[in-house]
Amino acid sequence: MLVIDKLANGAVERIRAEYQEMPGLCLTRRQLRRFCLLDADVCDAAIDELVAAGFLRCWRDNLFVPRTDRAPTIIDHGQLRGILGS
């Protein structure tokens, strides 16, 4: 378990940096694993730590979003295509 804890510490910083760099980022556990190229156990430990620390929260549809005073804006890609005309 110590190896996962060490790897999770680096993953915590990586995930935190991605969310800080991209406001509005909303990802599931699976998407975060792929996005950050992390092992499932390491990623899950990092997400759990970020939730416990109050940096992330689990929102609808199991999306992890930064903890703020307001709900995140979720873009419906079908509506976006209609708006953009593509």
Protein backbone atom coordinates (compact mmCIF):
# COMPACT_ATOMS: atom_id res chain seq x y z
CA MET A 1 0.00 0.00 0.00
CA LEU A 2 2.93 2.38 0.55
CA VAL A 3 3.80 2.35 -3.16
CA ILE A 4 0.26 3.37 -4.09
CA ASP A 5 0.34 6.12 -1.46
CA LYS A 6 3.60 7.51 -2.89
CA LEU A 7 2.28 7.37 -6.45
CA ALA A 8 -1.03 8.90 -5.34
CA ASN A 9 0.77 11.92 -3.87
CA GLY A 10 2.19 12.73 -7.29
CA ALA A 11 -1.18 12.01 -8.89
CA VAL A 12 -2.90 14.40 -6.46
CA GLU A 13 -0.65 17.23 -7.61
CA ARG A 14 -1.11 16.29 -11.26
CA ILE A 15 -4.90 16.18 -11.03
CA ARG A 16 -5.02 19.39 -8.98
CA ALA A 17 -2.84 21.15 -11.58
CA GLU A 18 -5.08 20.00 -14.45
CA TYR A 19 -8.21 21.31 -12.72
CA GLN A 20 -6.50 24.63 -11.90
CA GLU A 21 -5.22 25.00 -15.44
CA MET A 22 -8.59 24.22 -17.06
CA PRO A 23 -11.49 25.89 -15.23
CA GLY A 24 -14.73 24.03 -15.83
CA LEU A 25 -13.08 20.63 -16.18
CA CYS A 26 -15.62 17.89 -15.30
CA LEU A 27 -14.41 14.30 -15.54
CA THR A 28 -15.46 10.89 -14.25
CA ARG A 29 -12.97 8.59 -12.51
CA ARG A 30 -12.49 6.67 -15.75
CA GLN A 31 -11.94 9.84 -17.77
CA LEU A 32 -9.43 11.14 -15.20
CA ARG A 33 -7.50 7.86 -15.39
CA ARG A 34 -7.22 8.16 -19.17
CA PHE A 35 -6.63 11.92 -19.18
CA CYS A 36 -3.78 11.74 -16.66
CA LEU A 37 -2.51 8.30 -17.75
CA LEU A 38 -2.90 6.88 -14.24
CA ASP A 39 -3.42 3.37 -12.90
CA ALA A 40 -6.94 2.86 -11.53
CA ASP A 41 -5.85 2.32 -7.90
CA VAL A 42 -3.51 5.33 -7.94
CA CYS A 43 -6.07 7.59 -9.60
CA ASP A 44 -8.86 6.50 -7.25
CA ALA A 45 -6.66 7.14 -4.20
CA ALA A 46 -5.75 10.60 -5.52
CA ILE A 47 -9.38 11.49 -6.27
CA ASP A 48 -10.46 10.31 -2.82
CA GLU A 49 -7.75 12.45 -1.25
CA LEU A 50 -8.79 15.52 -3.25
CA VAL A 51 -12.44 14.99 -2.26
CA ALA A 52 -11.48 14.56 1.41
CA ALA A 53 -9.38 17.73 1.24
CA GLY A 54 -12.33 19.64 -0.19
CA PHE A 55 -10.69 20.42 -3.53
CA LEU A 56 -13.04 18.23 -5.61
CA ARG A 57 -16.62 17.11 -5.21
CA CYS A 58 -18.61 14.43 -6.94
CA TRP A 59 -21.43 16.01 -8.88
CA ARG A 60 -24.22 14.47 -10.97
CA ASP A 61 -23.38 11.57 -13.26
CA ASN A 62 -20.29 10.87 -11.10
CA LEU A 63 -18.44 13.87 -12.52
CA PHE A 64 -15.65 15.25 -10.38
CA VAL A 65 -15.61 19.02 -10.35
CA PRO A 66 -13.73 21.61 -8.31
CA ARG A 67 -15.57 22.54 -5.13
CA THR A 68 -17.04 26.01 -5.61
CA ASP A 69 -20.06 27.94 -4.41
CA ARG A 70 -21.92 27.29 -7.66
CA ALA A 71 -22.80 24.30 -9.81
CA PRO A 72 -20.60 23.72 -12.85
CA THR A 73 -21.84 24.54 -16.32
CA ILE A 74 -22.23 21.36 -18.33
CA ILE A 75 -22.18 21.80 -22.09
CA ASP A 76 -24.46 19.58 -24.13
CA HIS A 77 -22.37 18.88 -27.22
CA GLY A 78 -25.50 18.33 -29.33
CA GLN A 79 -26.75 21.80 -28.47
CA LEU A 80 -23.30 23.24 -29.05
CA ARG A 81 -23.18 21.80 -32.56
CA GLY A 82 -26.56 23.41 -33.26
CA ILE A 83 -25.34 26.78 -31.98
CA LEU A 84 -22.13 26.59 -33.98
CA GLY A 85 -23.89 25.24 -37.05
CA SER A 86 -21.59 22.28 -37.52
